[in-house]
Amino acid sequence: MKIIAVGMNYARHNEELGHTLENKEPVIFMKPDSAILKDGKPFFIPDFSNEVHYETELVVRINRLGKNIAPRFAHRYYDALTVGIDFTARDLQRQFRAAGNPWELCKGFDSSAAIGTFVPVERFADVQNLRFHLDIDGNTVQQGDTADMLFKIDDIIAYVSRFVTLKIGDLLFTGTPVGVGPVSVGQHLEGYLEAEKLLDFYIR
């Protein structure tokens, strides 16, 4: 399986990071399968970064083999949703970008893709009208609404499938809204989709 992720998919998040140019196509990057963190296991802050940020996202699970998928058929290629965290070594990201180098290492390190419990997509009337949020130590620190995505889920799937064959079990991180921030040892993270808690783990 592979992890496909979308960057800069919420306008206000782009503003908080200083990105002012409008992207004509989705910004896509990948994480290796070793990035997966699940089943409530703790996230250990890596020793190569002094500034790891949480980025809360809706995560989509692919359930069919697909290539060159038309947008109108893309909804047939995923069966479940959850909340995830795209952990980012922000200090390394700035360093890599300043040097004009690729920045996969600041996004794809071990355990950098936390995922919660998946729920069937049929439970939701409209995947582009879902609210999700992250609590840290009981306080809400980030909130998002899939209605605010610059590129919708079906369009992202269609776009990615032009270049990469989608396989059963692949995961799509759909981008983070405004409100990212650092994590520190001892914090308790809980992720919610609508009112249901799907993600629950600690920072070590």
N, C-alpha and C. Protein backbone atom coordinates (compact mmCIF):
# COMPACT_ATOMS: atom_id res chain seq x y z
N MET A 1 0.84 -1.20 0.00
CA MET A 1 0.00 0.00 0.00
C MET A 1 0.87 1.25 0.00
N LYS A 2 0.28 2.32 -0.42
CA LYS A 2 1.00 3.60 -0.44
C LYS A 2 0.12 4.69 0.17
N ILE A 3 0.75 5.74 0.59
CA ILE A 3 0.05 6.88 1.17
C ILE A 3 0.24 8.06 0.23
N ILE A 4 -0.87 8.53 -0.29
CA ILE A 4 -0.88 9.69 -1.18
C ILE A 4 -1.41 10.87 -0.38
N ALA A 5 -0.74 11.99 -0.45
CA ALA A 5 -1.15 13.14 0.35
C ALA A 5 -1.23 14.39 -0.51
N VAL A 6 -2.12 15.28 -0.10
CA VAL A 6 -2.36 16.53 -0.82
C VAL A 6 -1.90 17.69 0.05
N GLY A 7 -1.09 18.55 -0.53
CA GLY A 7 -0.66 19.75 0.17
C GLY A 7 -1.44 20.97 -0.29
N MET A 8 -1.54 21.95 0.59
CA MET A 8 -2.11 23.26 0.24
C MET A 8 -3.51 23.14 -0.36
N ASN A 9 -4.39 22.39 0.32
CA ASN A 9 -5.75 22.17 -0.19
C ASN A 9 -6.80 22.98 0.53
N TYR A 10 -6.37 23.86 1.46
CA TYR A 10 -7.29 24.76 2.15
C TYR A 10 -6.69 26.17 2.10
N ALA A 11 -7.46 27.13 1.62
CA ALA A 11 -6.93 28.47 1.37
C ALA A 11 -6.36 29.13 2.62
N ARG A 12 -7.06 29.02 3.75
CA ARG A 12 -6.59 29.70 4.97
C ARG A 12 -5.32 29.06 5.51
N HIS A 13 -5.17 27.76 5.33
CA HIS A 13 -3.91 27.12 5.73
C HIS A 13 -2.77 27.62 4.86
N ASN A 14 -3.03 27.78 3.57
CA ASN A 14 -2.00 28.31 2.68
C ASN A 14 -1.54 29.69 3.14
N GLU A 15 -2.50 30.50 3.58
CA GLU A 15 -2.18 31.84 4.06
C GLU A 15 -1.31 31.79 5.31
N GLU A 16 -1.62 30.86 6.23
CA GLU A 16 -0.84 30.82 7.48
C GLU A 16 0.60 30.38 7.24
N LEU A 17 0.84 29.65 6.14
CA LEU A 17 2.20 29.24 5.80
C LEU A 17 2.86 30.17 4.80
N GLY A 18 2.14 31.23 4.40
CA GLY A 18 2.73 32.22 3.51
C GLY A 18 2.68 31.88 2.04
N HIS A 19 1.81 30.93 1.66
CA HIS A 19 1.68 30.58 0.24
C HIS A 19 0.57 31.43 -0.37
N THR A 20 0.94 32.30 -1.28
CA THR A 20 -0.03 33.23 -1.85
C THR A 20 -0.43 32.88 -3.28
N LEU A 21 0.35 32.03 -3.94
CA LEU A 21 0.03 31.66 -5.31
C LEU A 21 -1.07 30.60 -5.33
N GLU A 22 -1.98 30.74 -6.28
CA GLU A 22 -3.07 29.77 -6.42
C GLU A 22 -2.62 28.61 -7.31
N ASN A 23 -2.75 27.40 -6.80
CA ASN A 23 -2.35 26.22 -7.56
C ASN A 23 -3.45 25.81 -8.53
N LYS A 24 -3.07 25.55 -9.76
CA LYS A 24 -4.03 25.14 -10.78
C LYS A 24 -4.35 23.65 -10.70
N GLU A 25 -3.44 22.89 -10.08
CA GLU A 25 -3.62 21.46 -9.92
C GLU A 25 -3.26 21.08 -8.49
N PRO A 26 -3.74 19.95 -8.00
CA PRO A 26 -3.40 19.53 -6.64
C PRO A 26 -1.90 19.34 -6.45
N VAL A 27 -1.42 19.69 -5.27
CA VAL A 27 -0.02 19.45 -4.90
C VAL A 27 0.04 18.08 -4.23
N ILE A 28 0.73 17.14 -4.86
CA ILE A 28 0.73 15.75 -4.41
C ILE A 28 2.12 15.35 -3.91
N PHE A 29 2.14 14.65 -2.80
CA PHE A 29 3.38 14.02 -2.34
C PHE A 29 3.04 12.65 -1.76
N MET A 30 4.05 11.85 -1.50
CA MET A 30 3.84 10.49 -1.03
C MET A 30 4.53 10.28 0.32
N LYS A 31 4.01 9.33 1.07
CA LYS A 31 4.65 8.83 2.27
C LYS A 31 4.82 7.32 2.11
N PRO A 32 5.91 6.74 2.62
CA PRO A 32 6.06 5.29 2.57
C PRO A 32 5.14 4.60 3.57
N ASP A 33 4.93 3.30 3.39
CA ASP A 33 4.05 2.59 4.32
C ASP A 33 4.61 2.54 5.74
N SER A 34 5.91 2.75 5.89
CA SER A 34 6.50 2.80 7.23
C SER A 34 6.10 4.04 8.01
N ALA A 35 5.42 4.97 7.35
CA ALA A 35 4.94 6.18 8.03
C ALA A 35 3.66 5.93 8.83
N ILE A 36 2.98 4.81 8.58
CA ILE A 36 1.70 4.55 9.23
C ILE A 36 1.86 4.41 10.75
N LEU A 37 0.98 5.11 11.47
CA LEU A 37 0.86 4.98 12.92
C LEU A 37 -0.61 4.74 13.22
N LYS A 38 -0.94 3.61 13.83
CA LYS A 38 -2.35 3.28 14.04
C LYS A 38 -2.56 2.54 15.36
N ASP A 39 -3.82 2.19 15.60
CA ASP A 39 -4.21 1.40 16.78
C ASP A 39 -3.87 2.09 18.09
N GLY A 40 -3.86 3.42 18.08
CA GLY A 40 -3.63 4.17 19.31
C GLY A 40 -2.22 4.14 19.82
N LYS A 41 -1.29 3.70 19.01
CA LYS A 41 0.11 3.67 19.45
C LYS A 41 0.66 5.09 19.57
N PRO A 42 1.58 5.33 20.49
CA PRO A 42 2.09 6.69 20.69
C PRO A 42 2.99 7.13 19.54
N PHE A 43 3.05 8.44 19.37
CA PHE A 43 3.97 9.04 18.41
C PHE A 43 5.19 9.53 19.17
N PHE A 44 6.36 9.06 18.76
CA PHE A 44 7.61 9.47 19.39
C PHE A 44 8.26 10.58 18.56
N ILE A 45 8.47 11.73 19.18
CA ILE A 45 9.08 12.85 18.48
C ILE A 45 10.49 12.46 18.04
N PRO A 46 10.80 12.59 16.75
CA PRO A 46 12.11 12.16 16.26
C PRO A 46 13.22 13.10 16.72
N ASP A 47 14.43 12.55 16.80
CA ASP A 47 15.55 13.34 17.30
C ASP A 47 16.15 14.29 16.27
N PHE A 48 15.67 14.20 15.01
CA PHE A 48 16.23 15.05 13.96
C PHE A 48 15.43 16.34 13.76
N SER A 49 14.41 16.56 14.58
CA SER A 49 13.60 17.77 14.43
C SER A 49 13.30 18.39 15.78
N ASN A 50 13.32 19.72 15.82
CA ASN A 50 12.94 20.45 17.02
C ASN A 50 11.58 21.13 16.88
N GLU A 51 10.89 20.84 15.78
CA GLU A 51 9.61 21.51 15.53
C GLU A 51 8.71 20.62 14.68
N VAL A 52 8.12 19.61 15.32
CA VAL A 52 7.18 18.73 14.62
C VAL A 52 5.78 19.29 14.81
N HIS A 53 5.07 19.48 13.70
CA HIS A 53 3.72 20.02 13.71
C HIS A 53 2.69 18.94 13.41
N TYR A 54 1.51 19.08 14.02
CA TYR A 54 0.35 18.28 13.63
C TYR A 54 -0.34 18.95 12.45
N GLU A 55 -0.89 18.15 11.55
CA GLU A 55 -1.76 18.63 10.47
C GLU A 55 -2.91 17.64 10.38
N THR A 56 -4.07 18.04 10.86
CA THR A 56 -5.24 17.17 10.91
C THR A 56 -5.91 17.09 9.54
N GLU A 57 -6.26 15.88 9.12
CA GLU A 57 -6.80 15.71 7.77
C GLU A 57 -7.88 14.62 7.73
N LEU A 58 -8.77 14.74 6.77
CA LEU A 58 -9.65 13.63 6.42
C LEU A 58 -8.85 12.65 5.58
N VAL A 59 -8.96 11.36 5.92
CA VAL A 59 -8.24 10.31 5.21
C VAL A 59 -9.24 9.39 4.53
N VAL A 60 -8.97 9.08 3.28
CA VAL A 60 -9.85 8.24 2.45
C VAL A 60 -9.14 6.92 2.16
N ARG A 61 -9.88 5.81 2.28
CA ARG A 61 -9.31 4.50 1.98
C ARG A 61 -9.78 4.00 0.62
N ILE A 62 -8.83 3.69 -0.25
CA ILE A 62 -9.13 3.19 -1.59
C ILE A 62 -9.52 1.71 -1.51
N ASN A 63 -10.56 1.33 -2.27
CA ASN A 63 -11.04 -0.05 -2.20
C ASN A 63 -11.11 -0.76 -3.55
N ARG A 64 -10.59 -0.10 -4.61
CA ARG A 64 -10.60 -0.72 -5.93
C ARG A 64 -9.32 -0.35 -6.68
N LEU A 65 -8.91 -1.25 -7.55
CA LEU A 65 -7.80 -0.96 -8.45
C LEU A 65 -8.27 0.04 -9.50
N GLY A 66 -7.50 1.10 -9.72
CA GLY A 66 -7.95 2.11 -10.65
C GLY A 66 -6.84 2.87 -11.33
N LYS A 67 -7.05 3.19 -12.59
CA LYS A 67 -6.11 3.99 -13.38
C LYS A 67 -6.92 4.86 -14.33
N ASN A 68 -6.52 6.12 -14.48
CA ASN A 68 -7.22 7.06 -15.36
C ASN A 68 -8.72 7.10 -15.05
N ILE A 69 -9.02 7.32 -13.79
CA ILE A 69 -10.40 7.33 -13.32
C ILE A 69 -11.06 8.66 -13.66
N ALA A 70 -12.24 8.62 -14.23
CA ALA A 70 -12.99 9.84 -14.51
C ALA A 70 -13.57 10.39 -13.20
N PRO A 71 -13.60 11.71 -13.04
CA PRO A 71 -14.12 12.28 -11.79
C PRO A 71 -15.51 11.77 -11.42
N ARG A 72 -16.37 11.57 -12.41
CA ARG A 72 -17.74 11.16 -12.12
C ARG A 72 -17.82 9.73 -11.58
N PHE A 73 -16.75 8.95 -11.75
CA PHE A 73 -16.73 7.58 -11.25
C PHE A 73 -15.84 7.43 -10.01
N ALA A 74 -15.17 8.49 -9.60
CA ALA A 74 -14.18 8.39 -8.53
C ALA A 74 -14.78 7.94 -7.20
N HIS A 75 -16.05 8.28 -6.96
CA HIS A 75 -16.68 7.90 -5.69
C HIS A 75 -16.78 6.39 -5.51
N ARG A 76 -16.65 5.65 -6.59
CA ARG A 76 -16.72 4.19 -6.51
C ARG A 76 -15.41 3.57 -6.01
N TYR A 77 -14.38 4.38 -5.88
CA TYR A 77 -13.05 3.84 -5.60
C TYR A 77 -12.61 4.01 -4.15
N TYR A 78 -13.50 4.45 -3.28
CA TYR A 78 -13.17 4.50 -1.85
C TYR A 78 -14.39 4.10 -1.03
N ASP A 79 -14.11 3.45 0.10
CA ASP A 79 -15.21 2.88 0.88
C ASP A 79 -15.24 3.31 2.33
N ALA A 80 -14.22 4.04 2.80
CA ALA A 80 -14.17 4.38 4.22
C ALA A 80 -13.38 5.66 4.44
N LEU A 81 -13.69 6.31 5.57
CA LEU A 81 -13.05 7.58 5.94
C LEU A 81 -12.57 7.51 7.38
N THR A 82 -11.58 8.31 7.68
CA THR A 82 -11.17 8.49 9.07
C THR A 82 -10.49 9.85 9.20
N VAL A 83 -10.04 10.15 10.41
CA VAL A 83 -9.25 11.34 10.67
C VAL A 83 -7.79 10.90 10.83
N GLY A 84 -6.89 11.67 10.28
CA GLY A 84 -5.47 11.36 10.39
C GLY A 84 -4.65 12.60 10.70
N ILE A 85 -3.41 12.37 11.08
CA ILE A 85 -2.46 13.45 11.33
C ILE A 85 -1.28 13.28 10.38
N ASP A 86 -1.02 14.30 9.59
CA ASP A 86 0.18 14.36 8.76
C ASP A 86 1.23 15.10 9.57
N PHE A 87 2.04 14.35 10.32
CA PHE A 87 3.09 14.99 11.11
C PHE A 87 4.18 15.52 10.17
N THR A 88 4.61 16.74 10.46
CA THR A 88 5.56 17.43 9.58
C THR A 88 6.70 18.01 10.41
N ALA A 89 7.92 17.69 10.02
CA ALA A 89 9.09 18.31 10.65
C ALA A 89 9.27 19.68 10.01
N ARG A 90 8.65 20.69 10.62
CA ARG A 90 8.55 22.01 9.98
C ARG A 90 9.92 22.66 9.81
N ASP A 91 10.81 22.47 10.76
CA ASP A 91 12.13 23.07 10.63
C ASP A 91 12.89 22.48 9.45
N LEU A 92 12.77 21.17 9.24
CA LEU A 92 13.41 20.55 8.08
C LEU A 92 12.75 20.98 6.79
N GLN A 93 11.44 21.15 6.83
CA GLN A 93 10.73 21.59 5.62
C GLN A 93 11.23 22.95 5.16
N ARG A 94 11.38 23.88 6.11
CA ARG A 94 11.90 25.20 5.75
C ARG A 94 13.31 25.09 5.19
N GLN A 95 14.12 24.26 5.81
CA GLN A 95 15.50 24.07 5.37
C GLN A 95 15.56 23.51 3.95
N PHE A 96 14.76 22.48 3.68
CA PHE A 96 14.77 21.85 2.36
C PHE A 96 14.25 22.81 1.29
N ARG A 97 13.19 23.53 1.62
CA ARG A 97 12.62 24.47 0.64
C ARG A 97 13.59 25.59 0.33
N ALA A 98 14.27 26.10 1.34
CA ALA A 98 15.23 27.18 1.13
C ALA A 98 16.36 26.75 0.21
N ALA A 99 16.71 25.47 0.27
CA ALA A 99 17.78 24.94 -0.58
C ALA A 99 17.27 24.49 -1.94
N GLY A 100 15.95 24.57 -2.15
CA GLY A 100 15.37 24.13 -3.41
C GLY A 100 15.36 22.63 -3.58
N ASN A 101 15.40 21.91 -2.46
CA ASN A 101 15.46 20.46 -2.50
C ASN A 101 14.09 19.83 -2.22
N PRO A 102 13.89 18.58 -2.63
CA PRO A 102 12.65 17.87 -2.27
C PRO A 102 12.51 17.80 -0.75
N TRP A 103 11.24 17.72 -0.28
CA TRP A 103 11.03 17.73 1.16
C TRP A 103 10.28 16.50 1.67
N GLU A 104 10.42 15.37 0.95
CA GLU A 104 9.76 14.14 1.40
C GLU A 104 10.18 13.72 2.81
N LEU A 105 11.45 13.93 3.15
CA LEU A 105 11.94 13.45 4.45
C LEU A 105 11.26 14.15 5.62
N CYS A 106 10.82 15.37 5.43
CA CYS A 106 10.17 16.08 6.53
C CYS A 106 8.70 15.67 6.68
N LYS A 107 8.19 14.93 5.71
CA LYS A 107 6.80 14.48 5.72
C LYS A 107 6.67 12.96 5.83
N GLY A 108 7.67 12.23 5.35
CA GLY A 108 7.54 10.79 5.21
C GLY A 108 8.31 9.96 6.20
N PHE A 109 8.77 10.57 7.29
CA PHE A 109 9.54 9.80 8.27
C PHE A 109 8.64 8.80 9.01
N ASP A 110 9.26 7.88 9.71
CA ASP A 110 8.52 6.81 10.40
C ASP A 110 7.45 7.38 11.32
N SER A 111 6.25 6.79 11.25
CA SER A 111 5.11 7.14 12.11
C SER A 111 4.56 8.53 11.86
N SER A 112 4.85 9.11 10.72
CA SER A 112 4.40 10.48 10.43
C SER A 112 2.98 10.54 9.87
N ALA A 113 2.34 9.38 9.69
CA ALA A 113 0.97 9.35 9.16
C ALA A 113 0.07 8.60 10.14
N ALA A 114 -0.42 9.31 11.13
CA ALA A 114 -1.31 8.69 12.12
C ALA A 114 -2.71 8.57 11.55
N ILE A 115 -3.33 7.41 11.72
CA ILE A 115 -4.70 7.22 11.23
C ILE A 115 -5.57 6.64 12.33
N GLY A 116 -6.84 7.03 12.29
CA GLY A 116 -7.81 6.54 13.26
C GLY A 116 -8.58 5.36 12.73
N THR A 117 -9.68 5.05 13.40
CA THR A 117 -10.56 3.97 13.00
C THR A 117 -11.36 4.39 11.77
N PHE A 118 -11.42 3.53 10.78
CA PHE A 118 -12.17 3.85 9.57
C PHE A 118 -13.65 3.57 9.75
N VAL A 119 -14.47 4.42 9.16
CA VAL A 119 -15.92 4.23 9.17
C VAL A 119 -16.42 4.21 7.73
N PRO A 120 -17.46 3.42 7.44
CA PRO A 120 -17.94 3.30 6.06
C PRO A 120 -18.41 4.63 5.49
N VAL A 121 -18.07 4.88 4.26
CA VAL A 121 -18.44 6.13 3.62
C VAL A 121 -19.96 6.26 3.49
N GLU A 122 -20.67 5.14 3.46
CA GLU A 122 -22.13 5.17 3.32
C GLU A 122 -22.82 5.85 4.49
N ARG A 123 -22.11 6.02 5.59
CA ARG A 123 -22.71 6.67 6.75
C ARG A 123 -22.88 8.17 6.56
N PHE A 124 -22.27 8.71 5.52
CA PHE A 124 -22.29 10.15 5.32
C PHE A 124 -23.02 10.50 4.03
N ALA A 125 -23.93 11.46 4.12
CA ALA A 125 -24.71 11.86 2.95
C ALA A 125 -23.86 12.56 1.91
N ASP A 126 -22.85 13.31 2.37
CA ASP A 126 -22.04 14.11 1.46
C ASP A 126 -20.63 14.23 2.03
N VAL A 127 -19.66 13.58 1.38
CA VAL A 127 -18.28 13.62 1.89
C VAL A 127 -17.68 15.02 1.77
N GLN A 128 -18.29 15.87 0.96
CA GLN A 128 -17.80 17.25 0.83
C GLN A 128 -18.56 18.22 1.72
N ASN A 129 -19.13 17.66 2.79
CA ASN A 129 -19.80 18.50 3.78
C ASN A 129 -19.62 17.86 5.16
N LEU A 130 -18.37 17.59 5.51
CA LEU A 130 -18.04 16.93 6.77
C LEU A 130 -17.13 17.82 7.61
N ARG A 131 -17.42 17.87 8.89
CA ARG A 131 -16.58 18.62 9.82
C ARG A 131 -15.68 17.65 10.59
N PHE A 132 -14.46 18.09 10.82
CA PHE A 132 -13.53 17.29 11.61
C PHE A 132 -12.71 18.23 12.48
N HIS A 133 -12.19 17.70 13.59
CA HIS A 133 -11.38 18.56 14.45
C HIS A 133 -10.41 17.73 15.28
N LEU A 134 -9.42 18.42 15.83
CA LEU A 134 -8.40 17.81 16.68
C LEU A 134 -8.41 18.48 18.05
N ASP A 135 -8.45 17.66 19.08
CA ASP A 135 -8.29 18.14 20.46
C ASP A 135 -6.92 17.73 20.98
N ILE A 136 -6.26 18.63 21.67
CA ILE A 136 -5.03 18.31 22.39
C ILE A 136 -5.26 18.61 23.86
N ASP A 137 -5.13 17.59 24.68
CA ASP A 137 -5.36 17.70 26.12
C ASP A 137 -6.73 18.31 26.42
N GLY A 138 -7.71 17.90 25.61
CA GLY A 138 -9.09 18.32 25.84
C GLY A 138 -9.48 19.64 25.24
N ASN A 139 -8.57 20.33 24.59
CA ASN A 139 -8.86 21.63 23.98
C ASN A 139 -8.80 21.51 22.46
N THR A 140 -9.81 22.03 21.79
CA THR A 140 -9.83 21.99 20.33
C THR A 140 -8.81 22.96 19.76
N VAL A 141 -7.88 22.44 18.95
CA VAL A 141 -6.81 23.27 18.40
C VAL A 141 -6.91 23.44 16.89
N GLN A 142 -7.68 22.58 16.23
CA GLN A 142 -7.80 22.69 14.77
C GLN A 142 -9.16 22.14 14.35
N GLN A 143 -9.81 22.87 13.45
CA GLN A 143 -11.11 22.47 12.93
C GLN A 143 -11.12 22.63 11.41
N GLY A 144 -11.81 21.71 10.74
CA GLY A 144 -11.90 21.80 9.29
C GLY A 144 -13.26 21.35 8.79
N ASP A 145 -13.55 21.73 7.58
CA ASP A 145 -14.79 21.34 6.90
C ASP A 145 -14.42 20.98 5.47
N THR A 146 -14.79 19.79 5.05
CA THR A 146 -14.40 19.34 3.71
C THR A 146 -15.03 20.20 2.61
N ALA A 147 -16.04 20.97 2.95
CA ALA A 147 -16.63 21.89 1.97
C ALA A 147 -15.63 22.97 1.55
N ASP A 148 -14.61 23.20 2.37
CA ASP A 148 -13.63 24.26 2.10
C ASP A 148 -12.44 23.78 1.28
N MET A 149 -12.42 22.51 0.90
CA MET A 149 -11.31 22.00 0.09
C MET A 149 -11.22 22.74 -1.24
N LEU A 150 -10.01 23.09 -1.65
CA LEU A 150 -9.81 23.71 -2.96
C LEU A 150 -9.99 22.68 -4.07
N PHE A 151 -9.53 21.46 -3.82
CA PHE A 151 -9.71 20.35 -4.76
C PHE A 151 -10.50 19.26 -4.04
N LYS A 152 -11.63 18.87 -4.61
CA LYS A 152 -12.52 17.91 -3.98
C LYS A 152 -11.96 16.50 -4.08
N ILE A 153 -12.45 15.63 -3.21
CA ILE A 153 -11.92 14.27 -3.11
C ILE A 153 -11.97 13.55 -4.45
N ASP A 154 -13.10 13.58 -5.13
CA ASP A 154 -13.22 12.86 -6.40
C ASP A 154 -12.27 13.41 -7.45
N ASP A 155 -12.08 14.72 -7.46
CA ASP A 155 -11.17 15.32 -8.43
C ASP A 155 -9.71 14.96 -8.12
N ILE A 156 -9.38 14.86 -6.83
CA ILE A 156 -8.02 14.45 -6.46
C ILE A 156 -7.75 13.03 -6.91
N ILE A 157 -8.70 12.14 -6.67
CA ILE A 157 -8.54 10.75 -7.07
C ILE A 157 -8.37 10.64 -8.57
N ALA A 158 -9.18 11.36 -9.32
CA ALA A 158 -9.07 11.34 -10.78
C ALA A 158 -7.70 11.86 -11.22
N TYR A 159 -7.26 12.94 -10.61
CA TYR A 159 -5.98 13.54 -10.99
C TYR A 159 -4.82 12.59 -10.70
N VAL A 160 -4.77 12.06 -9.49
CA VAL A 160 -3.67 11.17 -9.10
C VAL A 160 -3.63 9.94 -9.99
N SER A 161 -4.80 9.41 -10.33
CA SER A 161 -4.86 8.16 -11.10
C SER A 161 -4.36 8.32 -12.53
N ARG A 162 -4.17 9.54 -12.98
CA ARG A 162 -3.55 9.75 -14.29
C ARG A 162 -2.09 9.34 -14.26
N PHE A 163 -1.47 9.48 -13.10
CA PHE A 163 -0.03 9.25 -12.97
C PHE A 163 0.30 7.94 -12.25
N VAL A 164 -0.53 7.60 -11.26
CA VAL A 164 -0.23 6.48 -10.38
C VAL A 164 -1.44 5.55 -10.31
N THR A 165 -1.23 4.26 -10.48
CA THR A 165 -2.31 3.30 -10.32
C THR A 165 -2.71 3.21 -8.85
N LEU A 166 -3.99 3.37 -8.58
CA LEU A 166 -4.50 3.23 -7.22
C LEU A 166 -4.77 1.76 -6.94
N LYS A 167 -4.39 1.33 -5.75
CA LYS A 167 -4.57 -0.07 -5.37
C LYS A 167 -5.39 -0.18 -4.09
N ILE A 168 -5.99 -1.34 -3.90
CA ILE A 168 -6.80 -1.58 -2.72
C ILE A 168 -5.94 -1.39 -1.46
N GLY A 169 -6.45 -0.59 -0.54
CA GLY A 169 -5.74 -0.33 0.71
C GLY A 169 -4.90 0.93 0.71
N ASP A 170 -4.73 1.55 -0.45
CA ASP A 170 -4.03 2.84 -0.49
C ASP A 170 -4.79 3.87 0.33
N LEU A 171 -4.07 4.82 0.88
CA LEU A 171 -4.68 5.88 1.69
C LEU A 171 -4.44 7.23 1.04
N LEU A 172 -5.46 8.08 1.11
CA LEU A 172 -5.36 9.43 0.58
C LEU A 172 -5.59 10.42 1.72
N PHE A 173 -4.54 11.16 2.08
CA PHE A 173 -4.65 12.28 3.02
C PHE A 173 -5.03 13.51 2.20
N THR A 174 -6.14 14.15 2.54
CA THR A 174 -6.76 15.13 1.64
C THR A 174 -6.40 16.58 1.93
N GLY A 175 -5.46 16.83 2.84
CA GLY A 175 -5.05 18.20 3.11
C GLY A 175 -5.52 18.69 4.46
N THR A 176 -4.82 19.68 4.99
CA THR A 176 -5.12 20.19 6.32
C THR A 176 -5.65 21.62 6.27
N PRO A 177 -6.60 21.95 7.15
CA PRO A 177 -7.10 23.32 7.23
C PRO A 177 -6.18 24.20 8.06
N VAL A 178 -6.58 25.44 8.26
CA VAL A 178 -5.82 26.37 9.08
C VAL A 178 -5.75 25.86 10.52
N GLY A 179 -4.66 26.21 11.22
CA GLY A 179 -4.57 25.89 12.63
C GLY A 179 -3.53 24.87 13.01
N VAL A 180 -2.56 24.62 12.12
CA VAL A 180 -1.50 23.67 12.46
C VAL A 180 -0.62 24.23 13.57
N GLY A 181 0.07 23.33 14.26
CA GLY A 181 0.93 23.79 15.34
C GLY A 181 1.81 22.68 15.86
N PRO A 182 2.72 23.01 16.79
CA PRO A 182 3.70 22.04 17.28
C PRO A 182 3.11 21.07 18.29
N VAL A 183 3.75 19.91 18.40
CA VAL A 183 3.40 18.95 19.44
C VAL A 183 4.56 18.83 20.41
N SER A 184 4.25 18.38 21.61
CA SER A 184 5.29 18.20 22.62
C SER A 184 5.01 16.94 23.43
N VAL A 185 6.04 16.45 24.07
CA VAL A 185 5.96 15.20 24.82
C VAL A 185 4.89 15.28 25.91
N GLY A 186 4.08 14.23 26.00
CA GLY A 186 3.06 14.14 27.02
C GLY A 186 1.68 14.55 26.58
N GLN A 187 1.56 15.17 25.42
CA GLN A 187 0.25 15.62 24.96
C GLN A 187 -0.64 14.45 24.53
N HIS A 188 -1.94 14.64 24.70
CA HIS A 188 -2.95 13.65 24.35
C HIS A 188 -3.74 14.18 23.16
N LEU A 189 -3.67 13.49 22.02
CA LEU A 189 -4.34 13.92 20.79
C LEU A 189 -5.58 13.07 20.53
N GLU A 190 -6.69 13.75 20.21
CA GLU A 190 -7.94 13.07 19.89
C GLU A 190 -8.53 13.71 18.63
N GLY A 191 -8.80 12.87 17.62
CA GLY A 191 -9.34 13.37 16.37
C GLY A 191 -10.78 12.93 16.16
N TYR A 192 -11.61 13.86 15.70
CA TYR A 192 -13.04 13.62 15.55
C TYR A 192 -13.49 13.87 14.11
N LEU A 193 -14.38 13.01 13.63
CA LEU A 193 -15.08 13.23 12.37
C LEU A 193 -16.54 13.42 12.73
N GLU A 194 -17.08 14.61 12.41
CA GLU A 194 -18.36 15.02 12.95
C GLU A 194 -18.24 14.92 14.48
N ALA A 195 -19.10 14.17 15.15
CA ALA A 195 -19.02 14.12 16.62
C ALA A 195 -18.37 12.84 17.11
N GLU A 196 -17.86 12.01 16.21
CA GLU A 196 -17.34 10.69 16.59
C GLU A 196 -15.82 10.71 16.71
N LYS A 197 -15.33 10.28 17.86
CA LYS A 197 -13.88 10.20 18.06
C LYS A 197 -13.33 8.96 17.36
N LEU A 198 -12.40 9.17 16.43
CA LEU A 198 -11.83 8.08 15.66
C LEU A 198 -10.33 7.91 15.90
N LEU A 199 -9.71 8.91 16.50
CA LEU A 199 -8.25 8.92 16.67
C LEU A 199 -7.93 9.29 18.11
N ASP A 200 -7.03 8.54 18.74
CA ASP A 200 -6.76 8.76 20.16
C ASP A 200 -5.38 8.19 20.48
N PHE A 201 -4.41 9.07 20.78
CA PHE A 201 -3.06 8.61 21.10
C PHE A 201 -2.28 9.72 21.81
N TYR A 202 -1.09 9.36 22.28
CA TYR A 202 -0.24 10.28 23.03
C TYR A 202 1.06 10.57 22.29
N ILE A 203 1.65 11.72 22.64
CA ILE A 203 2.97 12.09 22.14
C ILE A 203 4.01 11.70 23.18
N ARG A 204 5.03 11.01 22.73
CA ARG A 204 6.09 10.56 23.65
C ARG A 204 7.44 11.15 23.25
